[in-house]
Amino acid sequence: VERIAGRSPRLYQRDVENIVSAILGEIAAALARGDRVEL
């Protein structure tokens, strides 16, 4: 979160934290449903 926030001065650290949590949460939810996540 700190590295991403450091690279993106327009974003607040709490916003980056929410984005990272949302991405990881969606990956976990997809795996719980039995889906594959391809990045």
All heavy atoms as atom14 arrays in JSON, in Angstrom:
{
  "sequence": "VERIAGRSPRLYQRDVENIVSAILGEIAAALARGDRVEL",
  "atom14_mask": [
    [1, 1, 1, 1, 1, 1, 1, 0, 0, 0, 0, 0, 0, 0],
    [1, 1, 1, 1, 1, 1, 1, 1, 1, 0, 0, 0, 0, 0],
    [1, 1, 1, 1, 1, 1, 1, 1, 1, 1, 1, 0, 0, 0],
    [1, 1, 1, 1, 1, 1, 1, 1, 0, 0, 0, 0, 0, 0],
    [1, 1, 1, 1, 1, 0, 0, 0, 0, 0, 0, 0, 0, 0],
    [1, 1, 1, 1, 0, 0, 0, 0, 0, 0, 0, 0, 0, 0],
    [1, 1, 1, 1, 1, 1, 1, 1, 1, 1, 1, 0, 0, 0],
    [1, 1, 1, 1, 1, 1, 0, 0, 0, 0, 0, 0, 0, 0],
    [1, 1, 1, 1, 1, 1, 1, 0, 0, 0, 0, 0, 0, 0],
    [1, 1, 1, 1, 1, 1, 1, 1, 1, 1, 1, 0, 0, 0],
    [1, 1, 1, 1, 1, 1, 1, 1, 0, 0, 0, 0, 0, 0],
    [1, 1, 1, 1, 1, 1, 1, 1, 1, 1, 1, 1, 0, 0],
    [1, 1, 1, 1, 1, 1, 1, 1, 1, 0, 0, 0, 0, 0],
    [1, 1, 1, 1, 1, 1, 1, 1, 1, 1, 1, 0, 0, 0],
    [1, 1, 1, 1, 1, 1, 1, 1, 0, 0, 0, 0, 0, 0],
    [1, 1, 1, 1, 1, 1, 1, 0, 0, 0, 0, 0, 0, 0],
    [1, 1, 1, 1, 1, 1, 1, 1, 1, 0, 0, 0, 0, 0],
    [1, 1, 1, 1, 1, 1, 1, 1, 0, 0, 0, 0, 0, 0],
    [1, 1, 1, 1, 1, 1, 1, 1, 0, 0, 0, 0, 0, 0],
    [1, 1, 1, 1, 1, 1, 1, 0, 0, 0, 0, 0, 0, 0],
    [1, 1, 1, 1, 1, 1, 0, 0, 0, 0, 0, 0, 0, 0],
    [1, 1, 1, 1, 1, 0, 0, 0, 0, 0, 0, 0, 0, 0],
    [1, 1, 1, 1, 1, 1, 1, 1, 0, 0, 0, 0, 0, 0],
    [1, 1, 1, 1, 1, 1, 1, 1, 0, 0, 0, 0, 0, 0],
    [1, 1, 1, 1, 0, 0, 0, 0, 0, 0, 0, 0, 0, 0],
    [1, 1, 1, 1, 1, 1, 1, 1, 1, 0, 0, 0, 0, 0],
    [1, 1, 1, 1, 1, 1, 1, 1, 0, 0, 0, 0, 0, 0],
    [1, 1, 1, 1, 1, 0, 0, 0, 0, 0, 0, 0, 0, 0],
    [1, 1, 1, 1, 1, 0, 0, 0, 0, 0, 0, 0, 0, 0],
    [1, 1, 1, 1, 1, 0, 0, 0, 0, 0, 0, 0, 0, 0],
    [1, 1, 1, 1, 1, 1, 1, 1, 0, 0, 0, 0, 0, 0],
    [1, 1, 1, 1, 1, 0, 0, 0, 0, 0, 0, 0, 0, 0],
    [1, 1, 1, 1, 1, 1, 1, 1, 1, 1, 1, 0, 0, 0],
    [1, 1, 1, 1, 0, 0, 0, 0, 0, 0, 0, 0, 0, 0],
    [1, 1, 1, 1, 1, 1, 1, 1, 0, 0, 0, 0, 0, 0],
    [1, 1, 1, 1, 1, 1, 1, 1, 1, 1, 1, 0, 0, 0],
    [1, 1, 1, 1, 1, 1, 1, 0, 0, 0, 0, 0, 0, 0],
    [1, 1, 1, 1, 1, 1, 1, 1, 1, 0, 0, 0, 0, 0],
    [1, 1, 1, 1, 1, 1, 1, 1, 0, 0, 0, 0, 0, 0]
  ],
  "atom14_positions": [
    [[0.84, -1.2, 0.0], [0.0, 0.0, 0.0], [0.88, 1.25, 0.0], [0.62, 2.2, -0.75], [-0.96, -0.01, 1.21], [-1.62, 1.33, 1.41], [-2.0, -1.11, 1.05], [0.0, 0.0, 0.0], [0.0, 0.0, 0.0], [0.0, 0.0, 0.0], [0.0, 0.0, 0.0], [0.0, 0.0, 0.0], [0.0, 0.0, 0.0], [0.0, 0.0, 0.0]],
    [[1.92, 1.26, 0.81], [2.82, 2.43, 0.87], [3.51, 2.67, -0.47], [3.62, 3.81, -0.92], [3.88, 2.23, 1.95], [3.34, 2.4, 3.35], [4.4, 2.11, 4.41], [5.61, 2.1, 4.07], [4.01, 1.89, 5.56], [0.0, 0.0, 0.0], [0.0, 0.0, 0.0], [0.0, 0.0, 0.0], [0.0, 0.0, 0.0], [0.0, 0.0, 0.0]],
    [[3.98, 1.61, -1.12], [4.66, 1.77, -2.42], [3.71, 2.3, -3.49], [4.07, 3.16, -4.27], [5.26, 0.45, -2.87], [6.51, 0.11, -2.12], [7.18, -1.05, -2.75], [8.34, -1.43, -1.96], [9.26, -2.27, -2.35], [9.17, -2.85, -3.53], [10.28, -2.57, -1.59], [0.0, 0.0, 0.0], [0.0, 0.0, 0.0], [0.0, 0.0, 0.0]],
    [[2.5, 1.76, -3.52], [1.52, 2.23, -4.52], [1.14, 3.67, -4.23], [1.06, 4.49, -5.15], [0.28, 1.31, -4.54], [0.67, -0.09, -5.04], [-0.82, 1.91, -5.42], [-0.43, -1.12, -4.91], [0.0, 0.0, 0.0], [0.0, 0.0, 0.0], [0.0, 0.0, 0.0], [0.0, 0.0, 0.0], [0.0, 0.0, 0.0], [0.0, 0.0, 0.0]],
    [[0.91, 4.0, -2.98], [0.57, 5.37, -2.61], [1.72, 6.33, -2.94], [1.48, 7.47, -3.37], [0.22, 5.45, -1.13], [0.0, 0.0, 0.0], [0.0, 0.0, 0.0], [0.0, 0.0, 0.0], [0.0, 0.0, 0.0], [0.0, 0.0, 0.0], [0.0, 0.0, 0.0], [0.0, 0.0, 0.0], [0.0, 0.0, 0.0], [0.0, 0.0, 0.0]],
    [[2.95, 5.87, -2.77], [4.12, 6.7, -3.09], [4.24, 6.98, -4.58], [4.68, 8.05, -4.99], [0.0, 0.0, 0.0], [0.0, 0.0, 0.0], [0.0, 0.0, 0.0], [0.0, 0.0, 0.0], [0.0, 0.0, 0.0], [0.0, 0.0, 0.0], [0.0, 0.0, 0.0], [0.0, 0.0, 0.0], [0.0, 0.0, 0.0], [0.0, 0.0, 0.0]],
    [[3.82, 6.02, -5.41], [3.87, 6.19, -6.87], [2.71, 7.01, -7.39], [2.76, 7.5, -8.51], [3.84, 4.84, -7.56], [5.12, 4.08, -7.46], [4.98, 2.81, -8.23], [6.26, 2.18, -8.43], [6.45, 1.15, -9.21], [5.44, 0.62, -9.88], [7.63, 0.63, -9.35], [0.0, 0.0, 0.0], [0.0, 0.0, 0.0], [0.0, 0.0, 0.0]],
    [[1.65, 7.1, -6.62], [0.43, 7.8, -7.06], [0.11, 8.92, -6.08], [-0.72, 8.76, -5.18], [-0.74, 6.82, -7.13], [-0.41, 5.69, -7.88], [0.0, 0.0, 0.0], [0.0, 0.0, 0.0], [0.0, 0.0, 0.0], [0.0, 0.0, 0.0], [0.0, 0.0, 0.0], [0.0, 0.0, 0.0], [0.0, 0.0, 0.0], [0.0, 0.0, 0.0]],
    [[0.74, 10.08, -6.23], [0.55, 11.16, -5.25], [-0.89, 11.7, -5.2], [-1.27, 12.3, -4.2], [1.53, 12.24, -5.71], [1.88, 11.9, -7.11], [1.65, 10.44, -7.3], [0.0, 0.0, 0.0], [0.0, 0.0, 0.0], [0.0, 0.0, 0.0], [0.0, 0.0, 0.0], [0.0, 0.0, 0.0], [0.0, 0.0, 0.0], [0.0, 0.0, 0.0]],
    [[-1.69, 11.46, -6.22], [-3.07, 11.94, -6.22], [-3.98, 11.11, -5.33], [-5.06, 11.54, -4.97], [-3.65, 11.94, -7.63], [-3.0, 12.93, -8.54], [-3.71, 12.93, -9.86], [-2.93, 13.63, -10.86], [-3.18, 13.62, -12.12], [-4.2, 12.92, -12.59], [-2.44, 14.29, -12.97], [0.0, 0.0, 0.0], [0.0, 0.0, 0.0], [0.0, 0.0, 0.0]],
    [[-3.56, 9.89, -5.03], [-4.39, 8.99, -4.22], [-3.96, 9.04, -2.75], [-2.77, 9.05, -2.45], [-4.26, 7.54, -4.72], [-4.77, 7.23, -6.11], [-4.43, 5.8, -6.48], [-6.27, 7.46, -6.18], [0.0, 0.0, 0.0], [0.0, 0.0, 0.0], [0.0, 0.0, 0.0], [0.0, 0.0, 0.0], [0.0, 0.0, 0.0], [0.0, 0.0, 0.0]],
    [[-4.96, 9.08, -1.89], [-4.67, 9.01, -0.46], [-4.34, 7.56, -0.1], [-4.81, 6.63, -0.74], [-5.89, 9.45, 0.36], [-6.21, 10.91, 0.21], [-7.36, 11.32, -0.44], [-5.36, 11.88, 0.75], [-7.66, 12.66, -0.58], [-5.65, 13.22, 0.61], [-6.81, 13.61, -0.05], [-7.1, 14.94, -0.18], [0.0, 0.0, 0.0], [0.0, 0.0, 0.0]],
    [[-3.54, 7.4, 0.94], [-3.13, 6.06, 1.34], [-4.35, 5.21, 1.72], [-4.4, 4.03, 1.41], [-2.15, 6.13, 2.51], [-1.57, 4.77, 2.85], [-0.36, 4.85, 3.73], [0.26, 5.9, 3.85], [0.0, 3.74, 4.34], [0.0, 0.0, 0.0], [0.0, 0.0, 0.0], [0.0, 0.0, 0.0], [0.0, 0.0, 0.0], [0.0, 0.0, 0.0]],
    [[-5.35, 5.79, 2.36], [-6.53, 5.01, 2.74], [-7.3, 4.54, 1.51], [-7.9, 3.46, 1.52], [-7.43, 5.79, 3.69], [-8.12, 6.97, 3.08], [-9.08, 7.63, 4.05], [-9.73, 8.75, 3.43], [-9.29, 10.0, 3.44], [-8.17, 10.28, 4.09], [-9.94, 10.95, 2.82], [0.0, 0.0, 0.0], [0.0, 0.0, 0.0], [0.0, 0.0, 0.0]],
    [[-7.28, 5.34, 0.42], [-7.94, 4.91, -0.81], [-7.18, 3.74, -1.44], [-7.8, 2.79, -1.92], [-8.01, 6.07, -1.82], [-8.92, 7.19, -1.34], [-9.83, 6.91, -0.52], [-8.73, 8.34, -1.77], [0.0, 0.0, 0.0], [0.0, 0.0, 0.0], [0.0, 0.0, 0.0], [0.0, 0.0, 0.0], [0.0, 0.0, 0.0], [0.0, 0.0, 0.0]],
    [[-5.85, 3.81, -1.44], [-5.04, 2.72, -1.97], [-5.28, 1.46, -1.13], [-5.41, 0.35, -1.67], [-3.54, 3.09, -1.98], [-2.68, 1.9, -2.37], [-3.29, 4.26, -2.91], [0.0, 0.0, 0.0], [0.0, 0.0, 0.0], [0.0, 0.0, 0.0], [0.0, 0.0, 0.0], [0.0, 0.0, 0.0], [0.0, 0.0, 0.0], [0.0, 0.0, 0.0]],
    [[-5.37, 1.62, 0.19], [-5.64, 0.5, 1.08], [-6.98, -0.16, 0.73], [-7.09, -1.38, 0.68], [-5.68, 1.02, 2.52], [-5.12, 0.09, 3.53], [-4.96, 0.79, 4.86], [-4.08, 1.69, 4.96], [-5.71, 0.45, 5.78], [0.0, 0.0, 0.0], [0.0, 0.0, 0.0], [0.0, 0.0, 0.0], [0.0, 0.0, 0.0], [0.0, 0.0, 0.0]],
    [[-8.0, 0.66, 0.47], [-9.31, 0.14, 0.08], [-9.26, -0.59, -1.27], [-9.9, -1.62, -1.44], [-10.35, 1.26, 0.02], [-10.69, 1.8, 1.4], [-10.52, 1.12, 2.41], [-11.15, 3.04, 1.45], [0.0, 0.0, 0.0], [0.0, 0.0, 0.0], [0.0, 0.0, 0.0], [0.0, 0.0, 0.0], [0.0, 0.0, 0.0], [0.0, 0.0, 0.0]],
    [[-8.5, -0.06, -2.2], [-8.37, -0.68, -3.53], [-7.68, -2.03, -3.41], [-8.15, -3.03, -3.96], [-7.6, 0.26, -4.5], [-8.46, 1.5, -4.81], [-7.22, -0.47, -5.77], [-7.68, 2.61, -5.5], [0.0, 0.0, 0.0], [0.0, 0.0, 0.0], [0.0, 0.0, 0.0], [0.0, 0.0, 0.0], [0.0, 0.0, 0.0], [0.0, 0.0, 0.0]],
    [[-6.56, -2.08, -2.68], [-5.83, -3.33, -2.51], [-6.71, -4.36, -1.8], [-6.78, -5.53, -2.21], [-4.51, -3.1, -1.73], [-3.87, -4.41, -1.31], [-3.54, -2.29, -2.58], [0.0, 0.0, 0.0], [0.0, 0.0, 0.0], [0.0, 0.0, 0.0], [0.0, 0.0, 0.0], [0.0, 0.0, 0.0], [0.0, 0.0, 0.0], [0.0, 0.0, 0.0]],
    [[-7.42, -3.94, -0.76], [-8.32, -4.85, -0.04], [-9.44, -5.36, -0.94], [-9.81, -6.54, -0.88], [-8.92, -4.16, 1.18], [-7.92, -3.91, 2.13], [0.0, 0.0, 0.0], [0.0, 0.0, 0.0], [0.0, 0.0, 0.0], [0.0, 0.0, 0.0], [0.0, 0.0, 0.0], [0.0, 0.0, 0.0], [0.0, 0.0, 0.0], [0.0, 0.0, 0.0]],
    [[-9.97, -4.48, -1.79], [-11.04, -4.89, -2.71], [-10.53, -5.91, -3.73], [-11.21, -6.91, -4.0], [-11.6, -3.67, -3.43], [0.0, 0.0, 0.0], [0.0, 0.0, 0.0], [0.0, 0.0, 0.0], [0.0, 0.0, 0.0], [0.0, 0.0, 0.0], [0.0, 0.0, 0.0], [0.0, 0.0, 0.0], [0.0, 0.0, 0.0], [0.0, 0.0, 0.0]],
    [[-9.36, -5.69, -4.26], [-8.8, -6.62, -5.25], [-8.55, -7.98, -4.6], [-8.95, -9.02, -5.14], [-7.49, -6.06, -5.86], [-7.81, -4.87, -6.75], [-6.74, -7.14, -6.64], [-6.59, -4.09, -7.2], [0.0, 0.0, 0.0], [0.0, 0.0, 0.0], [0.0, 0.0, 0.0], [0.0, 0.0, 0.0], [0.0, 0.0, 0.0], [0.0, 0.0, 0.0]],
    [[-7.89, -8.0, -3.45], [-7.6, -9.26, -2.78], [-8.89, -9.95, -2.32], [-8.99, -11.18, -2.39], [-6.66, -9.03, -1.6], [-5.27, -8.51, -1.96], [-4.44, -8.25, -0.71], [-4.56, -9.47, -2.89], [0.0, 0.0, 0.0], [0.0, 0.0, 0.0], [0.0, 0.0, 0.0], [0.0, 0.0, 0.0], [0.0, 0.0, 0.0], [0.0, 0.0, 0.0]],
    [[-9.87, -9.16, -1.9], [-11.16, -9.72, -1.5], [-11.89, -10.38, -2.66], [-12.48, -11.45, -2.51], [0.0, 0.0, 0.0], [0.0, 0.0, 0.0], [0.0, 0.0, 0.0], [0.0, 0.0, 0.0], [0.0, 0.0, 0.0], [0.0, 0.0, 0.0], [0.0, 0.0, 0.0], [0.0, 0.0, 0.0], [0.0, 0.0, 0.0], [0.0, 0.0, 0.0]],
    [[-11.83, -9.75, -3.83], [-12.47, -10.33, -5.02], [-11.77, -11.61, -5.46], [-12.42, -12.56, -5.89], [-12.5, -9.32, -6.17], [-13.55, -8.26, -6.01], [-14.96, -8.84, -5.92], [-15.32, -9.73, -6.72], [-15.7, -8.42, -5.02], [0.0, 0.0, 0.0], [0.0, 0.0, 0.0], [0.0, 0.0, 0.0], [0.0, 0.0, 0.0], [0.0, 0.0, 0.0]],
    [[-10.45, -11.64, -5.37], [-9.72, -12.86, -5.71], [-10.13, -13.98, -4.76], [-10.42, -15.1, -5.19], [-8.19, -12.63, -5.67], [-7.76, -11.71, -6.82], [-7.42, -13.95, -5.73], [-6.33, -11.26, -6.76], [0.0, 0.0, 0.0], [0.0, 0.0, 0.0], [0.0, 0.0, 0.0], [0.0, 0.0, 0.0], [0.0, 0.0, 0.0], [0.0, 0.0, 0.0]],
    [[-10.18, -13.7, -3.45], [-10.57, -14.71, -2.46], [-12.01, -15.17, -2.68], [-12.3, -16.38, -2.59], [-10.4, -14.15, -1.05], [0.0, 0.0, 0.0], [0.0, 0.0, 0.0], [0.0, 0.0, 0.0], [0.0, 0.0, 0.0], [0.0, 0.0, 0.0], [0.0, 0.0, 0.0], [0.0, 0.0, 0.0], [0.0, 0.0, 0.0], [0.0, 0.0, 0.0]],
    [[-12.91, -14.25, -3.0], [-14.31, -14.61, -3.23], [-14.45, -15.49, -4.47], [-15.22, -16.46, -4.48], [-15.17, -13.35, -3.37], [0.0, 0.0, 0.0], [0.0, 0.0, 0.0], [0.0, 0.0, 0.0], [0.0, 0.0, 0.0], [0.0, 0.0, 0.0], [0.0, 0.0, 0.0], [0.0, 0.0, 0.0], [0.0, 0.0, 0.0], [0.0, 0.0, 0.0]],
    [[-13.7, -15.17, -5.52], [-13.75, -15.97, -6.74], [-13.24, -17.39, -6.47], [-13.83, -18.36, -6.94], [-12.92, -15.31, -7.84], [0.0, 0.0, 0.0], [0.0, 0.0, 0.0], [0.0, 0.0, 0.0], [0.0, 0.0, 0.0], [0.0, 0.0, 0.0], [0.0, 0.0, 0.0], [0.0, 0.0, 0.0], [0.0, 0.0, 0.0], [0.0, 0.0, 0.0]],
    [[-12.17, -17.51, -5.7], [-11.64, -18.82, -5.37], [-12.64, -19.61, -4.52], [-12.8, -20.82, -4.71], [-10.31, -18.7, -4.63], [-9.15, -18.15, -5.45], [-7.9, -18.02, -4.57], [-8.86, -19.02, -6.65], [0.0, 0.0, 0.0], [0.0, 0.0, 0.0], [0.0, 0.0, 0.0], [0.0, 0.0, 0.0], [0.0, 0.0, 0.0], [0.0, 0.0, 0.0]],
    [[-13.33, -18.93, -3.62], [-14.34, -19.6, -2.78], [-15.5, -20.12, -3.63], [-16.09, -21.15, -3.32], [-14.86, -18.63, -1.72], [0.0, 0.0, 0.0], [0.0, 0.0, 0.0], [0.0, 0.0, 0.0], [0.0, 0.0, 0.0], [0.0, 0.0, 0.0], [0.0, 0.0, 0.0], [0.0, 0.0, 0.0], [0.0, 0.0, 0.0], [0.0, 0.0, 0.0]],
    [[-15.81, -19.42, -4.72], [-16.87, -19.88, -5.64], [-16.39, -20.98, -6.56], [-17.16, -21.57, -7.3], [-17.36, -18.71, -6.5], [-18.17, -17.67, -5.78], [-18.8, -16.68, -6.76], [-17.84, -16.07, -7.67], [-17.22, -14.92, -7.47], [-17.45, -14.24, -6.36], [-16.38, -14.44, -8.37], [0.0, 0.0, 0.0], [0.0, 0.0, 0.0], [0.0, 0.0, 0.0]],
    [[-15.08, -21.22, -6.58], [-14.51, -22.23, -7.48], [-14.07, -21.66, -8.81], [-13.73, -22.42, -9.72], [0.0, 0.0, 0.0], [0.0, 0.0, 0.0], [0.0, 0.0, 0.0], [0.0, 0.0, 0.0], [0.0, 0.0, 0.0], [0.0, 0.0, 0.0], [0.0, 0.0, 0.0], [0.0, 0.0, 0.0], [0.0, 0.0, 0.0], [0.0, 0.0, 0.0]],
    [[-14.04, -20.34, -8.94], [-13.61, -19.69, -10.19], [-12.09, -19.57, -10.22], [-11.41, -19.59, -9.2], [-14.21, -18.29, -10.3], [-15.72, -18.31, -10.44], [-16.26, -19.37, -10.8], [-16.34, -17.26, -10.17], [0.0, 0.0, 0.0], [0.0, 0.0, 0.0], [0.0, 0.0, 0.0], [0.0, 0.0, 0.0], [0.0, 0.0, 0.0], [0.0, 0.0, 0.0]],
    [[-11.57, -19.38, -11.42], [-10.16, -19.08, -11.67], [-10.01, -17.59, -11.82], [-10.87, -16.93, -12.39], [-9.77, -19.7, -13.02], [-8.97, -20.89, -12.99], [-8.79, -21.39, -14.43], [-7.41, -21.24, -14.8], [-6.98, -20.66, -15.89], [-7.8, -20.17, -16.77], [-5.71, -20.58, -16.13], [0.0, 0.0, 0.0], [0.0, 0.0, 0.0], [0.0, 0.0, 0.0]],
    [[-8.9, -17.04, -11.37], [-8.61, -15.62, -11.56], [-7.3, -15.53, -12.34], [-6.25, -15.97, -11.86], [-8.47, -14.88, -10.22], [-8.13, -13.42, -10.45], [-9.74, -15.01, -9.41], [0.0, 0.0, 0.0], [0.0, 0.0, 0.0], [0.0, 0.0, 0.0], [0.0, 0.0, 0.0], [0.0, 0.0, 0.0], [0.0, 0.0, 0.0], [0.0, 0.0, 0.0]],
    [[-7.38, -14.99, -13.55], [-6.2, -14.88, -14.4], [-5.83, -13.42, -14.55], [-6.63, -12.61, -15.01], [-6.49, -15.48, -15.77], [-5.31, -15.46, -16.69], [-5.6, -16.14, -18.02], [-6.53, -16.96, -18.09], [-4.87, -15.82, -18.98], [0.0, 0.0, 0.0], [0.0, 0.0, 0.0], [0.0, 0.0, 0.0], [0.0, 0.0, 0.0], [0.0, 0.0, 0.0]],
    [[-4.61, -13.09, -14.15], [-4.09, -11.74, -14.31], [-2.97, -11.82, -15.34], [-1.87, -12.3, -15.04], [-3.56, -11.21, -12.97], [-4.57, -11.17, -11.82], [-3.9, -10.8, -10.52], [-5.7, -10.22, -12.15], [0.0, 0.0, 0.0], [0.0, 0.0, 0.0], [0.0, 0.0, 0.0], [0.0, 0.0, 0.0], [0.0, 0.0, 0.0], [0.0, 0.0, 0.0]]
  ]
}
